[in-house]
Amino acid sequence: MMDWMRYTLEDFQTALESPSPTPGGGTASAVALGQASALTIMVCNLTLGKDKWISGWDAAERANLEAKQVMSITGDLANRDSQSFDAVMKSFRLPKESESEREIRKKKIVEATLYAAEVPFETAKHAVELLRTMPELAKHGNGNAVSDIGVASLLASAACKGAIFNVDINLDSISDKEIGFNMRNLTPKILEECSILSREIMQIVRDRINS
C-alpha cells in the first residue's frame, strides 16, 4: 500500500510528474494542507511563551490545537485519495459481458467514484477549519512570522480549492444527482468561506507587513 508520507520531497514530485494518474491533484491538495498545518504550528511555536506576543497566545493555542489535529490526518488523506482513484480505475476494468456483470460493474463504479469524491471533500473541510484559526493568529501572533501565516493560508486555500475540483469532477461523472447530494450542496458554501477567509488573512498580513 502506497504511503506518500514516507517519500522524500523529490520522490513525491517525481511521482506527481509521472504519467500515472496517481498521485494527482487530490493527493497534492492533501499534502499542501499538511504543509499549511506545519507552517501554522511553526508560527504558534514562535508566539507561545514569548512575552512580546502575549496578546497572541490565545489565538496561537487555538490555532496550534487545530493545526496539529489537521496535520495528523493529512498523510492519511493523501494516501486515501490515491487509493480511491485506483479503485475507480479498477472498477472500470470489471467484466461486462452479461447483464448481471454490467449491473455489478455499474454499481461498483458509482460506489468507487462517490468515495473518490468523499476523500477530497474531507480535505476541503479540514482546510477551512484550519483557515478559521488564522485571522486572529495573523493579527496577534509573532509579527516576525506574519509572512509565514500568510503562506500557510495560501497553501490551505489551494488545498481547499484543489480538493473541491476533485469533488466536483467525480460527482459530475455520476448521473444520479441525488447521490452525493450533501456534498453537492455544501461545496459552494465551503468555497465561499475559503475565499472570504483567505482575503481577510491576506489583508491582515499585508497591513502588518506595511505597518
N, C-alpha and C. Protein backbone atom coordinates (compact mmCIF):
# COMPACT_ATOMS: atom_id res chain seq x y z
N MET A 1 0.84 -1.19 0.00
CA MET A 1 0.00 0.00 0.00
C MET A 1 0.88 1.25 0.00
N MET A 2 0.55 2.19 -0.87
CA MET A 2 1.35 3.41 -1.00
C MET A 2 1.22 4.30 0.23
N ASP A 3 2.37 4.83 0.69
CA ASP A 3 2.37 5.77 1.80
C ASP A 3 3.22 6.96 1.38
N TRP A 4 2.55 8.01 0.94
CA TRP A 4 3.27 9.17 0.40
C TRP A 4 4.08 9.87 1.47
N MET A 5 3.73 9.73 2.72
CA MET A 5 4.46 10.40 3.79
C MET A 5 5.86 9.82 3.99
N ARG A 6 6.10 8.65 3.46
CA ARG A 6 7.42 8.03 3.57
C ARG A 6 8.32 8.38 2.38
N TYR A 7 7.77 9.12 1.43
CA TYR A 7 8.55 9.55 0.27
C TYR A 7 9.35 10.80 0.61
N THR A 8 10.51 10.94 -0.01
CA THR A 8 11.20 12.23 0.07
C THR A 8 10.42 13.22 -0.78
N LEU A 9 10.68 14.50 -0.55
CA LEU A 9 10.01 15.53 -1.35
C LEU A 9 10.33 15.34 -2.83
N GLU A 10 11.59 15.03 -3.12
CA GLU A 10 11.99 14.83 -4.52
C GLU A 10 11.26 13.64 -5.13
N ASP A 11 11.15 12.54 -4.38
CA ASP A 11 10.47 11.35 -4.89
C ASP A 11 8.98 11.61 -5.11
N PHE A 12 8.38 12.37 -4.21
CA PHE A 12 6.95 12.67 -4.37
C PHE A 12 6.73 13.53 -5.61
N GLN A 13 7.58 14.51 -5.83
CA GLN A 13 7.45 15.35 -7.01
C GLN A 13 7.66 14.54 -8.28
N THR A 14 8.59 13.59 -8.23
CA THR A 14 8.81 12.72 -9.38
C THR A 14 7.57 11.87 -9.66
N ALA A 15 6.93 11.38 -8.59
CA ALA A 15 5.70 10.61 -8.76
C ALA A 15 4.59 11.48 -9.34
N LEU A 16 4.52 12.74 -8.90
CA LEU A 16 3.50 13.65 -9.42
C LEU A 16 3.67 13.90 -10.92
N GLU A 17 4.90 14.02 -11.38
CA GLU A 17 5.13 14.37 -12.79
C GLU A 17 5.02 13.17 -13.72
N SER A 18 4.92 11.98 -13.15
CA SER A 18 4.85 10.78 -13.98
C SER A 18 3.51 10.70 -14.71
N PRO A 19 3.42 9.89 -15.77
CA PRO A 19 2.14 9.75 -16.49
C PRO A 19 1.09 8.96 -15.73
N SER A 20 1.45 8.39 -14.58
CA SER A 20 0.46 7.69 -13.77
C SER A 20 -0.55 8.68 -13.21
N PRO A 21 -1.85 8.31 -13.21
CA PRO A 21 -2.86 9.25 -12.68
C PRO A 21 -2.80 9.45 -11.18
N THR A 22 -2.07 8.57 -10.48
CA THR A 22 -1.89 8.76 -9.04
C THR A 22 -0.41 8.76 -8.71
N PRO A 23 0.03 9.68 -7.86
CA PRO A 23 -0.77 10.70 -7.18
C PRO A 23 -1.17 11.80 -8.15
N GLY A 24 -2.30 12.43 -7.85
CA GLY A 24 -2.78 13.52 -8.68
C GLY A 24 -3.12 14.74 -7.84
N GLY A 25 -4.04 15.54 -8.35
CA GLY A 25 -4.36 16.80 -7.70
C GLY A 25 -4.95 16.66 -6.32
N GLY A 26 -5.75 15.62 -6.10
CA GLY A 26 -6.34 15.44 -4.78
C GLY A 26 -5.30 15.09 -3.74
N THR A 27 -4.35 14.24 -4.13
CA THR A 27 -3.26 13.88 -3.23
C THR A 27 -2.39 15.10 -2.94
N ALA A 28 -2.08 15.85 -4.00
CA ALA A 28 -1.27 17.06 -3.83
C ALA A 28 -1.97 18.07 -2.93
N SER A 29 -3.28 18.14 -3.01
CA SER A 29 -4.04 19.06 -2.15
C SER A 29 -3.91 18.67 -0.69
N ALA A 30 -4.00 17.37 -0.41
CA ALA A 30 -3.85 16.90 0.97
C ALA A 30 -2.44 17.17 1.49
N VAL A 31 -1.45 16.98 0.64
CA VAL A 31 -0.06 17.26 1.04
C VAL A 31 0.11 18.76 1.31
N ALA A 32 -0.48 19.59 0.46
CA ALA A 32 -0.40 21.05 0.67
C ALA A 32 -1.04 21.44 2.00
N LEU A 33 -2.13 20.77 2.36
CA LEU A 33 -2.77 21.06 3.63
C LEU A 33 -1.85 20.68 4.79
N GLY A 34 -1.11 19.60 4.63
CA GLY A 34 -0.14 19.24 5.65
C GLY A 34 0.94 20.30 5.83
N GLN A 35 1.39 20.87 4.71
CA GLN A 35 2.40 21.93 4.79
C GLN A 35 1.81 23.19 5.43
N ALA A 36 0.57 23.49 5.12
CA ALA A 36 -0.10 24.63 5.74
C ALA A 36 -0.20 24.45 7.25
N SER A 37 -0.52 23.23 7.65
CA SER A 37 -0.62 22.94 9.08
C SER A 37 0.72 23.10 9.77
N ALA A 38 1.77 22.58 9.14
CA ALA A 38 3.10 22.64 9.74
C ALA A 38 3.57 24.09 9.89
N LEU A 39 3.33 24.91 8.88
CA LEU A 39 3.70 26.32 8.96
C LEU A 39 2.92 27.03 10.06
N THR A 40 1.65 26.70 10.18
CA THR A 40 0.83 27.30 11.24
C THR A 40 1.38 26.95 12.61
N ILE A 41 1.75 25.70 12.79
CA ILE A 41 2.33 25.27 14.07
C ILE A 41 3.63 26.03 14.34
N MET A 42 4.43 26.23 13.30
CA MET A 42 5.67 26.98 13.48
C MET A 42 5.39 28.38 14.01
N VAL A 43 4.40 29.07 13.43
CA VAL A 43 4.07 30.43 13.88
C VAL A 43 3.56 30.40 15.32
N CYS A 44 2.80 29.37 15.64
CA CYS A 44 2.32 29.23 17.03
C CYS A 44 3.50 29.06 17.98
N ASN A 45 4.45 28.23 17.59
CA ASN A 45 5.62 27.99 18.44
C ASN A 45 6.46 29.26 18.62
N LEU A 46 6.44 30.12 17.61
CA LEU A 46 7.19 31.38 17.70
C LEU A 46 6.42 32.46 18.46
N THR A 47 5.19 32.16 18.80
CA THR A 47 4.34 33.11 19.54
C THR A 47 4.18 32.72 20.99
N LEU A 48 3.86 31.46 21.23
CA LEU A 48 3.59 30.98 22.59
C LEU A 48 4.83 31.09 23.47
N GLY A 49 4.63 31.62 24.66
CA GLY A 49 5.72 31.76 25.61
C GLY A 49 6.59 32.97 25.41
N LYS A 50 6.31 33.76 24.35
CA LYS A 50 7.09 34.97 24.09
C LYS A 50 6.31 36.17 24.65
N ASP A 51 6.86 36.80 25.68
CA ASP A 51 6.15 37.89 26.34
C ASP A 51 5.75 39.01 25.39
N LYS A 52 6.58 39.27 24.41
CA LYS A 52 6.29 40.34 23.46
C LYS A 52 4.99 40.09 22.72
N TRP A 53 4.64 38.80 22.55
CA TRP A 53 3.46 38.44 21.76
C TRP A 53 2.38 37.82 22.63
N ILE A 54 2.31 38.24 23.90
CA ILE A 54 1.36 37.65 24.83
C ILE A 54 -0.09 37.83 24.38
N SER A 55 -0.34 38.91 23.65
CA SER A 55 -1.71 39.15 23.17
C SER A 55 -2.13 38.10 22.13
N GLY A 56 -1.16 37.37 21.61
CA GLY A 56 -1.47 36.35 20.60
C GLY A 56 -1.47 34.94 21.12
N TRP A 57 -1.25 34.78 22.45
CA TRP A 57 -1.15 33.43 22.99
C TRP A 57 -2.46 32.65 22.84
N ASP A 58 -3.58 33.29 23.12
CA ASP A 58 -4.86 32.57 23.00
C ASP A 58 -5.10 32.11 21.57
N ALA A 59 -4.86 33.01 20.62
CA ALA A 59 -5.05 32.66 19.21
C ALA A 59 -4.09 31.55 18.80
N ALA A 60 -2.85 31.63 19.31
CA ALA A 60 -1.85 30.62 18.96
C ALA A 60 -2.21 29.26 19.54
N GLU A 61 -2.77 29.24 20.75
CA GLU A 61 -3.17 27.97 21.35
C GLU A 61 -4.29 27.32 20.55
N ARG A 62 -5.26 28.14 20.13
CA ARG A 62 -6.37 27.59 19.34
C ARG A 62 -5.87 27.09 17.98
N ALA A 63 -5.04 27.90 17.33
CA ALA A 63 -4.53 27.51 16.02
C ALA A 63 -3.63 26.29 16.12
N ASN A 64 -2.83 26.24 17.17
CA ASN A 64 -1.90 25.12 17.35
C ASN A 64 -2.65 23.81 17.51
N LEU A 65 -3.71 23.84 18.29
CA LEU A 65 -4.52 22.63 18.51
C LEU A 65 -5.14 22.16 17.20
N GLU A 66 -5.74 23.09 16.47
CA GLU A 66 -6.39 22.72 15.21
C GLU A 66 -5.36 22.24 14.19
N ALA A 67 -4.26 22.95 14.07
CA ALA A 67 -3.24 22.60 13.07
C ALA A 67 -2.65 21.22 13.34
N LYS A 68 -2.41 20.90 14.61
CA LYS A 68 -1.88 19.58 14.94
C LYS A 68 -2.86 18.47 14.60
N GLN A 69 -4.15 18.73 14.85
CA GLN A 69 -5.16 17.74 14.51
C GLN A 69 -5.24 17.53 13.00
N VAL A 70 -5.19 18.64 12.26
CA VAL A 70 -5.27 18.54 10.81
C VAL A 70 -4.02 17.85 10.26
N MET A 71 -2.85 18.26 10.74
CA MET A 71 -1.62 17.67 10.22
C MET A 71 -1.55 16.17 10.46
N SER A 72 -2.16 15.71 11.55
CA SER A 72 -2.10 14.29 11.89
C SER A 72 -2.88 13.42 10.91
N ILE A 73 -3.78 14.02 10.13
CA ILE A 73 -4.60 13.21 9.21
C ILE A 73 -4.29 13.48 7.74
N THR A 74 -3.46 14.46 7.44
CA THR A 74 -3.24 14.79 6.03
C THR A 74 -2.52 13.69 5.28
N GLY A 75 -1.62 12.98 5.94
CA GLY A 75 -0.97 11.86 5.27
C GLY A 75 -1.97 10.78 4.89
N ASP A 76 -2.89 10.49 5.80
CA ASP A 76 -3.94 9.50 5.52
C ASP A 76 -4.83 9.98 4.38
N LEU A 77 -5.17 11.27 4.38
CA LEU A 77 -5.99 11.80 3.29
C LEU A 77 -5.28 11.67 1.96
N ALA A 78 -3.98 11.95 1.94
CA ALA A 78 -3.21 11.84 0.70
C ALA A 78 -3.20 10.40 0.19
N ASN A 79 -2.96 9.47 1.09
CA ASN A 79 -2.93 8.05 0.69
C ASN A 79 -4.30 7.57 0.23
N ARG A 80 -5.34 7.94 0.98
CA ARG A 80 -6.69 7.51 0.62
C ARG A 80 -7.13 8.11 -0.71
N ASP A 81 -6.68 9.33 -0.99
CA ASP A 81 -7.05 9.94 -2.26
C ASP A 81 -6.50 9.13 -3.43
N SER A 82 -5.24 8.75 -3.35
CA SER A 82 -4.65 7.94 -4.42
C SER A 82 -5.34 6.58 -4.51
N GLN A 83 -5.58 5.96 -3.36
CA GLN A 83 -6.21 4.65 -3.34
C GLN A 83 -7.63 4.70 -3.91
N SER A 84 -8.35 5.79 -3.62
CA SER A 84 -9.73 5.89 -4.09
C SER A 84 -9.78 5.99 -5.61
N PHE A 85 -8.84 6.73 -6.21
CA PHE A 85 -8.85 6.82 -7.67
C PHE A 85 -8.43 5.50 -8.29
N ASP A 86 -7.47 4.82 -7.66
CA ASP A 86 -7.09 3.49 -8.16
C ASP A 86 -8.28 2.55 -8.14
N ALA A 87 -9.14 2.68 -7.13
CA ALA A 87 -10.33 1.84 -7.03
C ALA A 87 -11.33 2.16 -8.14
N VAL A 88 -11.42 3.43 -8.51
CA VAL A 88 -12.29 3.81 -9.63
C VAL A 88 -11.80 3.15 -10.92
N MET A 89 -10.51 3.24 -11.17
CA MET A 89 -9.95 2.64 -12.38
C MET A 89 -10.15 1.12 -12.37
N LYS A 90 -10.00 0.50 -11.21
CA LYS A 90 -10.20 -0.94 -11.10
C LYS A 90 -11.65 -1.32 -11.40
N SER A 91 -12.58 -0.50 -10.95
CA SER A 91 -14.00 -0.81 -11.18
C SER A 91 -14.35 -0.75 -12.66
N PHE A 92 -13.70 0.13 -13.40
CA PHE A 92 -13.96 0.22 -14.84
C PHE A 92 -13.42 -0.99 -15.60
N ARG A 93 -12.51 -1.73 -14.98
CA ARG A 93 -11.95 -2.91 -15.64
C ARG A 93 -12.73 -4.19 -15.31
N LEU A 94 -13.79 -4.07 -14.54
CA LEU A 94 -14.61 -5.23 -14.22
C LEU A 94 -15.29 -5.79 -15.47
N PRO A 95 -15.56 -7.09 -15.51
CA PRO A 95 -16.21 -7.69 -16.70
C PRO A 95 -17.60 -7.12 -16.93
N LYS A 96 -18.00 -7.10 -18.20
CA LYS A 96 -19.32 -6.55 -18.57
C LYS A 96 -19.95 -7.33 -19.71
N GLU A 97 -19.74 -8.63 -19.68
CA GLU A 97 -20.28 -9.46 -20.75
C GLU A 97 -21.77 -9.73 -20.58
N SER A 98 -22.18 -10.03 -19.35
CA SER A 98 -23.59 -10.35 -19.10
C SER A 98 -24.29 -9.16 -18.45
N GLU A 99 -25.60 -9.25 -18.42
CA GLU A 99 -26.38 -8.18 -17.79
C GLU A 99 -26.04 -8.04 -16.31
N SER A 100 -25.91 -9.18 -15.64
CA SER A 100 -25.59 -9.13 -14.21
C SER A 100 -24.20 -8.53 -13.98
N GLU A 101 -23.25 -8.86 -14.85
CA GLU A 101 -21.91 -8.28 -14.73
C GLU A 101 -21.94 -6.77 -14.95
N ARG A 102 -22.76 -6.36 -15.92
CA ARG A 102 -22.85 -4.92 -16.18
C ARG A 102 -23.47 -4.18 -15.00
N GLU A 103 -24.46 -4.78 -14.36
CA GLU A 103 -25.08 -4.16 -13.20
C GLU A 103 -24.10 -4.05 -12.03
N ILE A 104 -23.36 -5.13 -11.80
CA ILE A 104 -22.36 -5.12 -10.73
C ILE A 104 -21.30 -4.08 -11.03
N ARG A 105 -20.85 -4.04 -12.28
CA ARG A 105 -19.81 -3.08 -12.67
C ARG A 105 -20.30 -1.64 -12.47
N LYS A 106 -21.52 -1.37 -12.89
CA LYS A 106 -22.09 -0.03 -12.76
C LYS A 106 -22.16 0.38 -11.29
N LYS A 107 -22.61 -0.55 -10.44
CA LYS A 107 -22.72 -0.26 -9.01
C LYS A 107 -21.35 0.03 -8.40
N LYS A 108 -20.36 -0.78 -8.77
CA LYS A 108 -19.01 -0.61 -8.23
C LYS A 108 -18.39 0.71 -8.69
N ILE A 109 -18.66 1.09 -9.94
CA ILE A 109 -18.13 2.36 -10.45
C ILE A 109 -18.69 3.53 -9.65
N VAL A 110 -20.01 3.50 -9.41
CA VAL A 110 -20.64 4.58 -8.66
C VAL A 110 -20.11 4.63 -7.23
N GLU A 111 -20.00 3.47 -6.60
CA GLU A 111 -19.50 3.42 -5.22
C GLU A 111 -18.07 3.96 -5.13
N ALA A 112 -17.23 3.53 -6.06
CA ALA A 112 -15.83 3.96 -6.03
C ALA A 112 -15.72 5.45 -6.35
N THR A 113 -16.51 5.92 -7.28
CA THR A 113 -16.47 7.33 -7.66
C THR A 113 -16.97 8.21 -6.53
N LEU A 114 -18.00 7.77 -5.84
CA LEU A 114 -18.51 8.53 -4.70
C LEU A 114 -17.45 8.64 -3.61
N TYR A 115 -16.77 7.54 -3.35
CA TYR A 115 -15.70 7.57 -2.34
C TYR A 115 -14.56 8.47 -2.79
N ALA A 116 -14.28 8.48 -4.08
CA ALA A 116 -13.23 9.34 -4.62
C ALA A 116 -13.59 10.81 -4.50
N ALA A 117 -14.87 11.11 -4.31
CA ALA A 117 -15.30 12.49 -4.03
C ALA A 117 -15.28 12.77 -2.54
N GLU A 118 -15.60 11.76 -1.74
CA GLU A 118 -15.69 11.95 -0.30
C GLU A 118 -14.33 12.28 0.33
N VAL A 119 -13.27 11.68 -0.17
CA VAL A 119 -11.95 11.91 0.42
C VAL A 119 -11.50 13.37 0.24
N PRO A 120 -11.50 13.92 -0.98
CA PRO A 120 -11.13 15.33 -1.10
C PRO A 120 -12.12 16.27 -0.42
N PHE A 121 -13.37 15.85 -0.29
CA PHE A 121 -14.33 16.66 0.46
C PHE A 121 -13.87 16.82 1.91
N GLU A 122 -13.34 15.74 2.47
CA GLU A 122 -12.77 15.83 3.82
C GLU A 122 -11.60 16.81 3.85
N THR A 123 -10.74 16.72 2.85
CA THR A 123 -9.59 17.63 2.77
C THR A 123 -10.06 19.07 2.76
N ALA A 124 -11.06 19.37 1.94
CA ALA A 124 -11.56 20.74 1.82
C ALA A 124 -12.14 21.23 3.15
N LYS A 125 -12.89 20.38 3.83
CA LYS A 125 -13.48 20.78 5.11
C LYS A 125 -12.40 21.08 6.15
N HIS A 126 -11.39 20.24 6.21
CA HIS A 126 -10.32 20.45 7.17
C HIS A 126 -9.50 21.70 6.83
N ALA A 127 -9.37 21.99 5.55
CA ALA A 127 -8.65 23.19 5.14
C ALA A 127 -9.35 24.44 5.64
N VAL A 128 -10.67 24.47 5.54
CA VAL A 128 -11.43 25.62 6.02
C VAL A 128 -11.37 25.71 7.54
N GLU A 129 -11.41 24.57 8.21
CA GLU A 129 -11.30 24.58 9.67
C GLU A 129 -9.97 25.19 10.10
N LEU A 130 -8.91 24.87 9.37
CA LEU A 130 -7.61 25.46 9.68
C LEU A 130 -7.60 26.95 9.38
N LEU A 131 -8.16 27.33 8.24
CA LEU A 131 -8.21 28.74 7.87
C LEU A 131 -8.95 29.59 8.91
N ARG A 132 -9.95 29.02 9.53
CA ARG A 132 -10.73 29.78 10.52
C ARG A 132 -9.87 30.24 11.70
N THR A 133 -8.79 29.54 11.98
CA THR A 133 -7.95 29.90 13.11
C THR A 133 -6.91 30.95 12.75
N MET A 134 -6.74 31.24 11.47
CA MET A 134 -5.61 32.06 11.04
C MET A 134 -5.79 33.57 11.16
N PRO A 135 -6.98 34.14 10.98
CA PRO A 135 -7.07 35.60 11.08
C PRO A 135 -6.55 36.16 12.40
N GLU A 136 -6.96 35.57 13.52
CA GLU A 136 -6.52 36.05 14.82
C GLU A 136 -5.02 35.80 15.03
N LEU A 137 -4.54 34.67 14.52
CA LEU A 137 -3.11 34.39 14.63
C LEU A 137 -2.31 35.38 13.79
N ALA A 138 -2.81 35.68 12.61
CA ALA A 138 -2.13 36.65 11.75
C ALA A 138 -2.15 38.04 12.38
N LYS A 139 -3.22 38.36 13.08
CA LYS A 139 -3.39 39.69 13.68
C LYS A 139 -2.55 39.86 14.94
N HIS A 140 -2.47 38.81 15.77
CA HIS A 140 -1.86 38.96 17.09
C HIS A 140 -0.62 38.10 17.32
N GLY A 141 -0.33 37.18 16.39
CA GLY A 141 0.82 36.31 16.58
C GLY A 141 2.13 37.04 16.35
N ASN A 142 3.23 36.30 16.44
CA ASN A 142 4.56 36.86 16.25
C ASN A 142 4.65 37.62 14.93
N GLY A 143 4.88 38.94 15.04
CA GLY A 143 4.91 39.78 13.84
C GLY A 143 6.02 39.44 12.89
N ASN A 144 7.09 38.84 13.41
CA ASN A 144 8.21 38.46 12.56
C ASN A 144 7.88 37.26 11.67
N ALA A 145 6.80 36.57 12.01
CA ALA A 145 6.40 35.38 11.26
C ALA A 145 5.06 35.57 10.55
N VAL A 146 4.63 36.83 10.43
CA VAL A 146 3.32 37.06 9.81
C VAL A 146 3.31 36.64 8.34
N SER A 147 4.45 36.75 7.67
CA SER A 147 4.51 36.29 6.27
C SER A 147 4.31 34.78 6.20
N ASP A 148 4.76 34.07 7.23
CA ASP A 148 4.62 32.61 7.23
C ASP A 148 3.17 32.18 7.38
N ILE A 149 2.41 32.91 8.21
CA ILE A 149 0.99 32.57 8.32
C ILE A 149 0.28 32.94 7.03
N GLY A 150 0.80 33.96 6.33
CA GLY A 150 0.26 34.27 5.01
C GLY A 150 0.47 33.13 4.04
N VAL A 151 1.66 32.57 4.03
CA VAL A 151 1.95 31.43 3.16
C VAL A 151 1.11 30.22 3.56
N ALA A 152 0.97 30.01 4.87
CA ALA A 152 0.14 28.89 5.34
C ALA A 152 -1.29 29.03 4.85
N SER A 153 -1.81 30.25 4.87
CA SER A 153 -3.19 30.46 4.42
C SER A 153 -3.32 30.23 2.92
N LEU A 154 -2.31 30.61 2.16
CA LEU A 154 -2.33 30.37 0.72
C LEU A 154 -2.33 28.87 0.42
N LEU A 155 -1.51 28.12 1.16
CA LEU A 155 -1.46 26.67 0.97
C LEU A 155 -2.78 26.01 1.37
N ALA A 156 -3.36 26.47 2.48
CA ALA A 156 -4.64 25.91 2.92
C ALA A 156 -5.75 26.23 1.92
N SER A 157 -5.71 27.45 1.40
CA SER A 157 -6.70 27.85 0.40
C SER A 157 -6.56 27.01 -0.87
N ALA A 158 -5.32 26.82 -1.31
CA ALA A 158 -5.08 25.99 -2.50
C ALA A 158 -5.53 24.56 -2.25
N ALA A 159 -5.26 24.05 -1.04
CA ALA A 159 -5.69 22.69 -0.70
C ALA A 159 -7.20 22.56 -0.78
N CYS A 160 -7.90 23.55 -0.24
CA CYS A 160 -9.36 23.53 -0.25
C CYS A 160 -9.91 23.58 -1.67
N LYS A 161 -9.44 24.55 -2.43
CA LYS A 161 -9.96 24.72 -3.79
C LYS A 161 -9.56 23.56 -4.70
N GLY A 162 -8.33 23.08 -4.53
CA GLY A 162 -7.89 21.94 -5.33
C GLY A 162 -8.68 20.69 -5.00
N ALA A 163 -8.94 20.48 -3.72
CA ALA A 163 -9.71 19.31 -3.31
C ALA A 163 -11.13 19.36 -3.89
N ILE A 164 -11.72 20.54 -3.89
CA ILE A 164 -13.09 20.65 -4.40
C ILE A 164 -13.16 20.44 -5.90
N PHE A 165 -12.10 20.81 -6.63
CA PHE A 165 -12.05 20.43 -8.04
C PHE A 165 -12.25 18.92 -8.17
N ASN A 166 -11.60 18.16 -7.29
CA ASN A 166 -11.68 16.71 -7.36
C ASN A 166 -13.03 16.19 -6.90
N VAL A 167 -13.64 16.87 -5.95
CA VAL A 167 -15.01 16.52 -5.56
C VAL A 167 -15.94 16.69 -6.76
N ASP A 168 -15.84 17.85 -7.38
CA ASP A 168 -16.76 18.18 -8.48
C ASP A 168 -16.61 17.24 -9.67
N ILE A 169 -15.35 16.95 -10.05
CA ILE A 169 -15.16 16.14 -11.25
C ILE A 169 -15.66 14.71 -11.04
N ASN A 170 -15.57 14.23 -9.80
CA ASN A 170 -16.07 12.89 -9.53
C ASN A 170 -17.59 12.87 -9.44
N LEU A 171 -18.18 13.83 -8.74
CA LEU A 171 -19.64 13.87 -8.63
C LEU A 171 -20.29 14.11 -9.98
N ASP A 172 -19.67 14.92 -10.82
CA ASP A 172 -20.26 15.22 -12.12
C ASP A 172 -20.29 14.00 -13.03
N SER A 173 -19.47 13.01 -12.73
CA SER A 173 -19.47 11.80 -13.56
C SER A 173 -20.54 10.80 -13.11
N ILE A 174 -21.24 11.10 -12.03
CA ILE A 174 -22.33 10.24 -11.55
C ILE A 174 -23.64 10.83 -12.06
N SER A 175 -24.36 10.07 -12.85
CA SER A 175 -25.57 10.59 -13.50
C SER A 175 -26.70 10.87 -12.51
N ASP A 176 -26.81 10.06 -11.47
CA ASP A 176 -27.86 10.26 -10.46
C ASP A 176 -27.42 11.38 -9.52
N LYS A 177 -28.03 12.55 -9.70
CA LYS A 177 -27.60 13.73 -8.93
C LYS A 177 -28.04 13.69 -7.47
N GLU A 178 -28.86 12.71 -7.11
CA GLU A 178 -29.21 12.55 -5.70
C GLU A 178 -28.06 11.92 -4.92
N ILE A 179 -27.20 11.20 -5.63
CA ILE A 179 -26.04 10.59 -4.99
C ILE A 179 -25.02 11.69 -4.69
N GLY A 180 -24.59 11.76 -3.46
CA GLY A 180 -23.65 12.81 -3.08
C GLY A 180 -24.30 14.17 -2.94
N PHE A 181 -25.62 14.18 -2.71
CA PHE A 181 -26.35 15.46 -2.65
C PHE A 181 -25.78 16.40 -1.60
N ASN A 182 -25.43 15.85 -0.45
CA ASN A 182 -24.91 16.69 0.63
C ASN A 182 -23.63 17.40 0.20
N MET A 183 -22.74 16.67 -0.45
CA MET A 183 -21.51 17.29 -0.93
C MET A 183 -21.79 18.33 -2.01
N ARG A 184 -22.69 18.00 -2.92
CA ARG A 184 -23.04 18.95 -3.99
C ARG A 184 -23.58 20.25 -3.39
N ASN A 185 -24.31 20.12 -2.30
CA ASN A 185 -24.92 21.28 -1.68
C ASN A 185 -23.92 22.11 -0.88
N LEU A 186 -22.95 21.43 -0.27
CA LEU A 186 -22.03 22.12 0.65
C LEU A 186 -20.78 22.68 -0.01
N THR A 187 -20.34 22.12 -1.12
CA THR A 187 -19.08 22.59 -1.71
C THR A 187 -19.09 24.09 -2.07
N PRO A 188 -20.18 24.64 -2.62
CA PRO A 188 -20.16 26.08 -2.89
C PRO A 188 -20.01 26.92 -1.62
N LYS A 189 -20.61 26.46 -0.53
CA LYS A 189 -20.50 27.19 0.74
C LYS A 189 -19.08 27.11 1.29
N ILE A 190 -18.46 25.95 1.15
CA ILE A 190 -17.07 25.79 1.60
C ILE A 190 -16.15 26.70 0.80
N LEU A 191 -16.36 26.74 -0.51
CA LEU A 191 -15.54 27.59 -1.37
C LEU A 191 -15.71 29.07 -1.02
N GLU A 192 -16.94 29.46 -0.75
CA GLU A 192 -17.19 30.86 -0.41
C GLU A 192 -16.51 31.23 0.90
N GLU A 193 -16.62 30.37 1.91
CA GLU A 193 -15.96 30.66 3.18
C GLU A 193 -14.45 30.69 3.02
N CYS A 194 -13.93 29.77 2.23
CA CYS A 194 -12.50 29.73 1.97
C CYS A 194 -12.02 31.04 1.36
N SER A 195 -12.75 31.55 0.38
CA SER A 195 -12.36 32.79 -0.28
C SER A 195 -12.43 33.98 0.67
N ILE A 196 -13.49 34.03 1.48
CA ILE A 196 -13.65 35.14 2.44
C ILE A 196 -12.50 35.13 3.44
N LEU A 197 -12.21 33.95 4.00
CA LEU A 197 -11.14 33.85 4.99
C LEU A 197 -9.78 34.18 4.37
N SER A 198 -9.56 33.69 3.17
CA SER A 198 -8.27 33.94 2.51
C SER A 198 -8.04 35.43 2.30
N ARG A 199 -9.06 36.12 1.83
CA ARG A 199 -8.93 37.57 1.62
C ARG A 199 -8.69 38.30 2.93
N GLU A 200 -9.40 37.88 3.98
CA GLU A 200 -9.23 38.51 5.28
C GLU A 200 -7.81 38.34 5.79
N ILE A 201 -7.30 37.12 5.70
CA ILE A 201 -5.95 36.84 6.19
C ILE A 201 -4.92 37.61 5.38
N MET A 202 -5.08 37.64 4.06
CA MET A 202 -4.13 38.36 3.22
C MET A 202 -4.08 39.84 3.56
N GLN A 203 -5.24 40.42 3.85
CA GLN A 203 -5.28 41.83 4.20
C GLN A 203 -4.59 42.09 5.53
N ILE A 204 -4.83 41.21 6.49
CA ILE A 204 -4.16 41.36 7.80
C ILE A 204 -2.66 41.24 7.63
N VAL A 205 -2.21 40.26 6.86
CA VAL A 205 -0.77 40.08 6.65
C VAL A 205 -0.16 41.30 5.99
N ARG A 206 -0.81 41.81 4.96
CA ARG A 206 -0.27 43.00 4.26
C ARG A 206 -0.22 44.21 5.21
N ASP A 207 -1.28 44.37 5.99
CA ASP A 207 -1.33 45.51 6.91
C ASP A 207 -0.20 45.44 7.94
N ARG A 208 0.05 44.25 8.47
CA ARG A 208 1.11 44.12 9.46
C ARG A 208 2.49 44.29 8.84
N ILE A 209 2.68 43.78 7.65
CA ILE A 209 3.98 43.95 6.99
C ILE A 209 4.26 45.42 6.69
N ASN A 210 3.20 46.11 6.29
CA ASN A 210 3.36 47.52 5.88
C ASN A 210 3.24 48.52 7.02
N SER A 211 2.97 48.04 8.24
CA SER A 211 2.77 48.96 9.36
C SER A 211 4.10 49.48 9.89
